[in-house]
N, C-alpha and C. Protein backbone atom coordinates (compact mmCIF):
# COMPACT_ATOMS: atom_id res chain seq x y z
N MET A 1 22.88 102.37 117.12
CA MET A 1 22.56 101.79 115.92
C MET A 1 21.88 100.17 116.92
N GLU A 2 21.19 99.38 115.56
CA GLU A 2 21.00 97.88 115.56
C GLU A 2 21.91 97.34 115.65
N LYS A 3 21.65 95.91 116.12
CA LYS A 3 22.70 94.91 115.41
C LYS A 3 22.87 94.62 114.63
N ASN A 4 21.78 94.08 113.99
CA ASN A 4 21.06 94.36 112.41
C ASN A 4 21.60 94.95 111.51
N SER A 5 21.57 96.32 111.95
CA SER A 5 22.11 96.89 110.39
C SER A 5 23.87 96.97 110.55
N LEU A 6 24.07 96.82 111.89
CA LEU A 6 25.54 96.56 112.14
C LEU A 6 26.42 95.05 111.11
N GLU A 7 25.62 94.05 111.15
CA GLU A 7 25.76 93.23 110.81
C GLU A 7 26.19 93.54 109.55
N LYS A 8 25.22 94.29 108.75
CA LYS A 8 25.24 94.08 107.06
C LYS A 8 26.36 94.72 106.86
N ILE A 9 26.71 96.19 107.49
CA ILE A 9 27.37 96.80 106.91
C ILE A 9 29.23 96.00 107.22
N GLU A 10 29.00 95.37 108.23
CA GLU A 10 30.19 94.32 108.30
C GLU A 10 30.60 93.22 107.60
N SER A 11 29.09 92.85 106.89
CA SER A 11 29.18 91.72 106.10
C SER A 11 29.93 92.31 104.34
N GLY A 12 29.27 93.33 104.50
CA GLY A 12 29.85 93.96 103.31
C GLY A 12 28.59 93.47 102.20
N PRO A 13 28.83 93.90 100.79
CA PRO A 13 28.15 93.95 100.02
C PRO A 13 27.31 92.93 99.85
N GLU A 14 26.44 92.71 99.02
CA GLU A 14 25.45 91.87 98.74
C GLU A 14 26.74 90.68 97.43
N PRO A 15 26.74 89.58 97.62
CA PRO A 15 27.44 88.89 96.84
C PRO A 15 26.75 88.92 95.48
N VAL A 16 27.27 88.64 94.29
CA VAL A 16 26.97 89.04 92.66
C VAL A 16 27.62 87.77 92.32
N ASN A 17 26.62 86.91 91.73
CA ASN A 17 27.52 85.88 90.85
C ASN A 17 27.71 86.23 89.38
N ASP A 18 28.38 85.54 88.85
CA ASP A 18 28.83 85.48 87.63
C ASP A 18 27.98 86.20 86.38
N ASP A 19 26.66 84.93 86.43
CA ASP A 19 25.95 85.42 85.72
C ASP A 19 25.20 86.90 85.22
N SER A 20 24.26 87.35 86.54
CA SER A 20 24.18 88.57 86.79
C SER A 20 25.24 89.58 86.15
N LEU A 21 26.41 89.58 87.02
CA LEU A 21 27.62 90.77 86.29
C LEU A 21 27.75 90.72 84.95
N ALA A 22 27.56 89.37 84.27
CA ALA A 22 28.33 89.53 82.79
C ALA A 22 26.59 90.15 82.14
N ARG A 23 25.52 89.75 82.81
CA ARG A 23 24.27 90.84 82.16
C ARG A 23 24.61 92.22 82.40
N LYS A 24 25.03 92.60 83.06
CA LYS A 24 25.34 93.66 83.44
C LYS A 24 26.44 94.18 82.84
N LEU A 25 27.34 93.92 82.81
CA LEU A 25 28.83 94.12 81.86
C LEU A 25 28.33 94.17 80.03
N LEU A 26 27.61 93.68 79.99
CA LEU A 26 27.10 93.06 78.73
C LEU A 26 27.50 94.33 77.43
N PRO A 27 26.13 94.88 77.68
CA PRO A 27 26.15 96.36 76.77
C PRO A 27 27.48 96.83 77.20
N ASP A 28 28.26 97.40 77.90
CA ASP A 28 29.47 98.13 77.96
C ASP A 28 30.14 97.23 76.99
N VAL A 29 30.48 95.78 77.03
CA VAL A 29 31.70 95.24 76.01
C VAL A 29 30.51 95.38 74.76
N ALA A 30 29.78 95.03 74.40
CA ALA A 30 29.16 95.44 73.07
C ALA A 30 29.44 96.71 72.74
N ARG A 31 28.79 97.58 73.42
CA ARG A 31 29.24 98.97 72.81
C ARG A 31 30.69 99.13 72.13
N GLU A 32 31.92 99.03 73.43
CA GLU A 32 33.04 98.88 73.05
C GLU A 32 33.56 98.06 72.04
N ARG A 33 33.46 96.87 71.99
CA ARG A 33 33.01 95.93 70.62
C ARG A 33 32.81 96.70 69.60
N ALA A 34 31.49 97.33 69.39
CA ALA A 34 30.81 98.03 68.16
C ALA A 34 31.87 99.13 67.86
N ALA A 35 32.58 99.83 68.54
CA ALA A 35 33.19 101.21 68.54
C ALA A 35 34.92 101.15 68.12
N ARG A 36 35.47 99.17 68.32
CA ARG A 36 36.52 99.42 67.20
C ARG A 36 36.83 99.68 66.28
N SER A 37 35.73 99.66 65.46
CA SER A 37 36.35 99.90 63.86
C SER A 37 36.35 101.21 63.92
N PHE A 38 37.06 101.97 62.89
CA PHE A 38 37.30 103.22 62.75
C PHE A 38 36.19 104.08 62.03
N PRO A 39 35.68 105.02 62.90
CA PRO A 39 34.59 105.79 63.14
C PRO A 39 34.87 107.31 62.14
N THR A 40 33.58 107.36 60.78
CA THR A 40 32.74 108.41 60.43
C THR A 40 32.48 109.52 61.33
N ARG A 41 34.06 110.67 61.23
CA ARG A 41 33.35 111.98 62.20
C ARG A 41 32.16 112.68 60.62
N ALA A 42 31.00 113.21 61.71
CA ALA A 42 29.97 113.56 60.63
C ALA A 42 29.98 114.74 61.55
N GLY A 43 30.19 115.88 61.51
CA GLY A 43 29.89 116.98 62.45
C GLY A 43 30.41 116.89 64.02
N PHE A 44 29.42 116.98 65.04
CA PHE A 44 30.57 117.00 66.01
C PHE A 44 30.50 115.24 66.63
N SER A 45 30.08 114.59 65.72
CA SER A 45 29.60 113.14 66.08
C SER A 45 30.65 111.85 65.65
N PHE A 46 30.25 110.86 66.45
CA PHE A 46 31.04 109.90 65.30
C PHE A 46 30.14 108.68 65.58
N PHE A 47 30.26 108.22 64.04
CA PHE A 47 29.49 107.57 63.06
C PHE A 47 29.83 106.14 63.06
N TYR A 48 29.70 105.10 63.71
CA TYR A 48 30.03 103.01 63.05
C TYR A 48 29.09 102.52 62.44
N GLU A 49 29.63 102.13 61.95
CA GLU A 49 28.64 100.83 60.65
C GLU A 49 29.63 99.85 61.28
N LEU A 50 28.36 99.09 61.46
CA LEU A 50 28.22 97.66 62.13
C LEU A 50 27.64 96.87 60.83
N ASP A 51 28.17 95.48 61.02
CA ASP A 51 27.88 94.68 60.31
C ASP A 51 26.97 93.70 60.62
N GLY A 52 26.27 93.74 61.80
CA GLY A 52 25.78 92.80 62.41
C GLY A 52 25.84 91.77 63.47
N GLY A 53 25.80 90.61 63.88
CA GLY A 53 26.47 90.08 64.72
C GLY A 53 25.75 90.42 66.25
N TRP A 54 26.53 90.00 67.14
CA TRP A 54 26.01 90.03 68.65
C TRP A 54 25.70 91.25 69.28
N GLU A 55 27.05 92.17 68.85
CA GLU A 55 26.25 93.03 69.23
C GLU A 55 25.55 94.06 69.14
N THR A 56 25.39 93.60 67.72
CA THR A 56 23.64 94.85 67.56
C THR A 56 22.53 93.90 68.27
N ARG A 57 22.38 92.87 68.44
CA ARG A 57 21.48 92.40 69.40
C ARG A 57 21.13 93.04 70.67
N ILE A 58 22.67 93.66 71.64
CA ILE A 58 22.54 93.63 72.78
C ILE A 58 22.74 95.16 72.44
N LEU A 59 22.88 95.94 71.64
CA LEU A 59 22.34 97.29 71.75
C LEU A 59 21.13 97.35 71.44
N MET A 60 20.22 96.55 70.90
CA MET A 60 18.76 96.56 70.43
C MET A 60 18.65 96.62 71.74
N GLU A 61 18.81 95.79 73.14
CA GLU A 61 18.29 95.63 74.13
C GLU A 61 18.79 97.03 75.04
N ASP A 62 19.84 97.48 74.97
CA ASP A 62 20.30 98.43 75.80
C ASP A 62 19.95 99.33 76.06
N THR A 63 19.53 99.36 78.01
CA THR A 63 18.79 100.70 78.24
C THR A 63 19.08 102.25 77.73
N GLU A 64 20.60 102.08 77.87
CA GLU A 64 21.28 103.26 77.59
C GLU A 64 21.62 104.17 75.94
N VAL A 65 20.90 103.42 75.08
CA VAL A 65 21.11 103.48 73.94
C VAL A 65 19.89 103.94 73.44
N ARG A 66 19.20 104.56 72.60
CA ARG A 66 18.48 105.35 72.01
C ARG A 66 18.40 104.47 70.50
N LYS A 67 17.02 103.66 70.34
CA LYS A 67 17.04 103.11 69.48
C LYS A 67 16.17 104.17 68.05
N VAL A 68 16.36 104.30 66.94
CA VAL A 68 15.08 105.08 66.27
C VAL A 68 15.31 104.20 64.91
N ARG A 69 13.99 104.47 64.15
CA ARG A 69 13.49 104.01 62.91
C ARG A 69 13.08 105.03 61.68
N THR A 70 13.08 105.68 61.96
CA THR A 70 12.42 107.14 61.67
C THR A 70 13.50 108.24 61.32
N ALA A 71 13.98 108.94 59.76
CA ALA A 71 14.74 110.22 60.55
C ALA A 71 14.02 111.31 61.18
N MET A 72 12.89 111.13 61.48
CA MET A 72 12.13 112.03 62.50
C MET A 72 12.34 111.72 63.75
N GLU A 73 12.78 110.96 64.00
CA GLU A 73 12.90 109.76 65.48
C GLU A 73 14.49 110.49 65.60
N LEU A 74 15.35 110.07 64.23
CA LEU A 74 17.18 110.50 64.85
C LEU A 74 16.58 111.98 65.20
N GLU A 75 16.17 112.82 64.74
CA GLU A 75 15.93 114.15 64.59
C GLU A 75 15.78 114.28 66.08
N GLU A 76 14.58 113.58 66.31
CA GLU A 76 14.80 113.64 68.02
C GLU A 76 15.26 113.11 69.22
N ALA A 77 16.40 112.57 68.54
CA ALA A 77 17.28 111.47 69.49
C ALA A 77 18.35 112.78 69.31
N PHE A 78 18.67 113.52 68.06
CA PHE A 78 19.81 114.61 69.02
C PHE A 78 19.28 115.66 68.99
N MET A 79 18.03 115.67 69.54
CA MET A 79 17.32 117.12 70.19
C MET A 79 17.66 116.84 71.61
N ASP A 80 17.47 115.75 72.01
CA ASP A 80 17.51 115.50 72.97
C ASP A 80 19.19 115.33 74.21
N VAL A 81 19.15 116.73 75.02
CA VAL A 81 20.41 116.06 75.54
C VAL A 81 20.56 115.04 76.60
N ARG A 82 19.80 114.26 77.09
CA ARG A 82 19.91 112.74 77.74
C ARG A 82 20.66 111.59 76.91
N VAL A 83 20.03 112.13 75.59
CA VAL A 83 20.61 110.88 74.72
C VAL A 83 22.80 111.08 73.87
N LYS A 84 23.07 110.42 74.52
CA LYS A 84 24.52 110.36 74.10
C LYS A 84 24.37 109.10 73.04
N ILE A 85 24.07 108.08 73.35
CA ILE A 85 24.11 106.95 72.24
C ILE A 85 22.95 106.37 71.42
N ILE A 86 22.92 106.51 69.62
CA ILE A 86 22.28 106.11 68.63
C ILE A 86 22.11 105.19 68.36
N PHE A 87 20.99 103.71 68.20
CA PHE A 87 21.28 103.04 67.35
C PHE A 87 20.46 102.97 66.33
N ILE A 88 20.54 102.65 64.76
CA ILE A 88 19.90 102.73 64.12
C ILE A 88 19.52 101.00 63.56
N PRO A 89 18.98 100.36 63.37
CA PRO A 89 18.96 99.43 62.86
C PRO A 89 18.53 98.97 61.24
N LYS A 90 19.27 97.95 61.06
CA LYS A 90 18.59 97.40 59.59
C LYS A 90 17.32 97.38 59.14
N SER A 91 16.05 97.28 60.12
CA SER A 91 15.10 97.41 59.77
C SER A 91 14.46 98.79 59.80
N SER A 92 15.44 99.52 59.83
CA SER A 92 14.99 101.70 59.95
C SER A 92 14.66 101.23 58.25
N ALA A 93 14.48 103.10 58.37
CA ALA A 93 13.74 103.70 57.87
C ALA A 93 14.74 104.65 57.09
N VAL A 94 15.77 104.54 57.92
CA VAL A 94 16.83 105.94 58.16
C VAL A 94 18.46 104.85 57.11
N THR A 95 18.47 105.79 55.87
CA THR A 95 19.17 105.29 54.83
C THR A 95 20.64 106.15 55.47
N ARG A 96 21.65 105.65 55.20
CA ARG A 96 23.31 106.05 55.88
C ARG A 96 23.21 107.43 55.72
N THR A 97 23.01 108.06 54.01
CA THR A 97 23.53 109.27 53.42
C THR A 97 22.43 110.24 54.29
N VAL A 98 21.12 110.00 54.92
CA VAL A 98 20.19 110.71 55.57
C VAL A 98 20.78 111.39 56.93
N ALA A 99 21.46 109.79 57.34
CA ALA A 99 21.83 109.46 59.06
C ALA A 99 23.17 110.26 58.91
N LEU A 100 24.23 110.03 57.75
CA LEU A 100 25.13 111.13 58.07
C LEU A 100 24.70 112.87 57.62
N ARG A 101 23.69 112.86 56.89
CA ARG A 101 23.08 114.22 57.13
C ARG A 101 22.54 115.09 58.11
N VAL A 102 21.95 114.13 59.18
CA VAL A 102 21.42 114.74 60.18
C VAL A 102 22.31 114.89 61.51
N CYS A 103 23.71 113.97 61.46
CA CYS A 103 24.80 114.22 62.62
C CYS A 103 25.50 115.41 61.89
N ARG A 104 26.13 116.04 60.15
CA ARG A 104 26.47 116.70 60.36
C ARG A 104 25.21 118.52 60.87
N ARG A 105 24.09 117.66 60.70
CA ARG A 105 23.69 119.21 60.89
C ARG A 105 23.30 119.47 62.57
N HIS A 106 24.08 119.05 63.48
CA HIS A 106 23.31 118.91 64.86
C HIS A 106 24.58 118.63 65.33
N GLY A 107 24.92 120.15 66.29
CA GLY A 107 26.26 120.63 67.24
C GLY A 107 26.36 119.38 68.22
N ASP A 108 25.64 119.09 68.80
CA ASP A 108 25.62 118.25 69.64
C ASP A 108 26.30 116.62 69.50
N GLY A 109 27.34 116.69 69.67
CA GLY A 109 28.02 115.17 69.60
C GLY A 109 27.27 114.19 69.97
N LYS A 110 26.85 113.42 69.40
CA LYS A 110 26.50 111.79 69.89
C LYS A 110 27.38 110.31 69.39
N THR A 111 27.29 109.55 69.84
CA THR A 111 27.71 108.12 69.11
C THR A 111 27.42 107.60 68.44
N VAL A 112 27.07 107.05 67.45
CA VAL A 112 25.84 106.83 66.49
C VAL A 112 26.51 105.38 65.82
N PHE A 113 25.39 104.37 65.87
CA PHE A 113 25.90 103.20 65.74
C PHE A 113 25.03 102.44 64.24
N TYR A 114 25.35 102.39 63.06
CA TYR A 114 24.15 101.92 62.34
C TYR A 114 25.07 100.72 61.37
N GLU A 115 23.68 100.17 61.56
CA GLU A 115 23.50 98.80 61.32
C GLU A 115 23.70 98.86 59.42
N GLY A 116 24.56 98.73 58.68
CA GLY A 116 24.55 98.33 57.12
C GLY A 116 23.18 98.10 56.70
N LYS A 117 23.27 98.39 56.01
CA LYS A 117 22.04 97.70 54.95
C LYS A 117 22.26 97.17 53.86
N ASP A 118 21.48 96.11 53.27
CA ASP A 118 22.60 94.92 52.16
C ASP A 118 22.39 95.79 50.94
N HIS A 119 21.19 97.07 50.47
CA HIS A 119 21.40 97.40 49.21
C HIS A 119 21.94 99.03 49.36
N GLU A 120 22.73 99.32 50.47
CA GLU A 120 23.64 100.30 50.70
C GLU A 120 25.04 100.51 50.46
């Protein structure tokens, strides 16, 4: 083993600064805070209604969350086994009624965050 490789092993992992750690944990914190409300059980899915706020902005940027804007995109997200979390933003064309119907129709349970619309 080379001396340089041994020094890396002995020195431990690369240091992480507070800012990069916060950015890494922020999506998890946002999902946890958004899920604090009592969900509606729709089929095998958990349906959370959000009022907006910083959590929705983070969910929009979270790479582990599938964002959908149409009913067709919502159907596709439910059919994709890799998708576990779905976010329906306020600007989408998906109503609460349609979202709940899609949730009830599919057997693969997902966590769905729905940003409420003023007219519903």
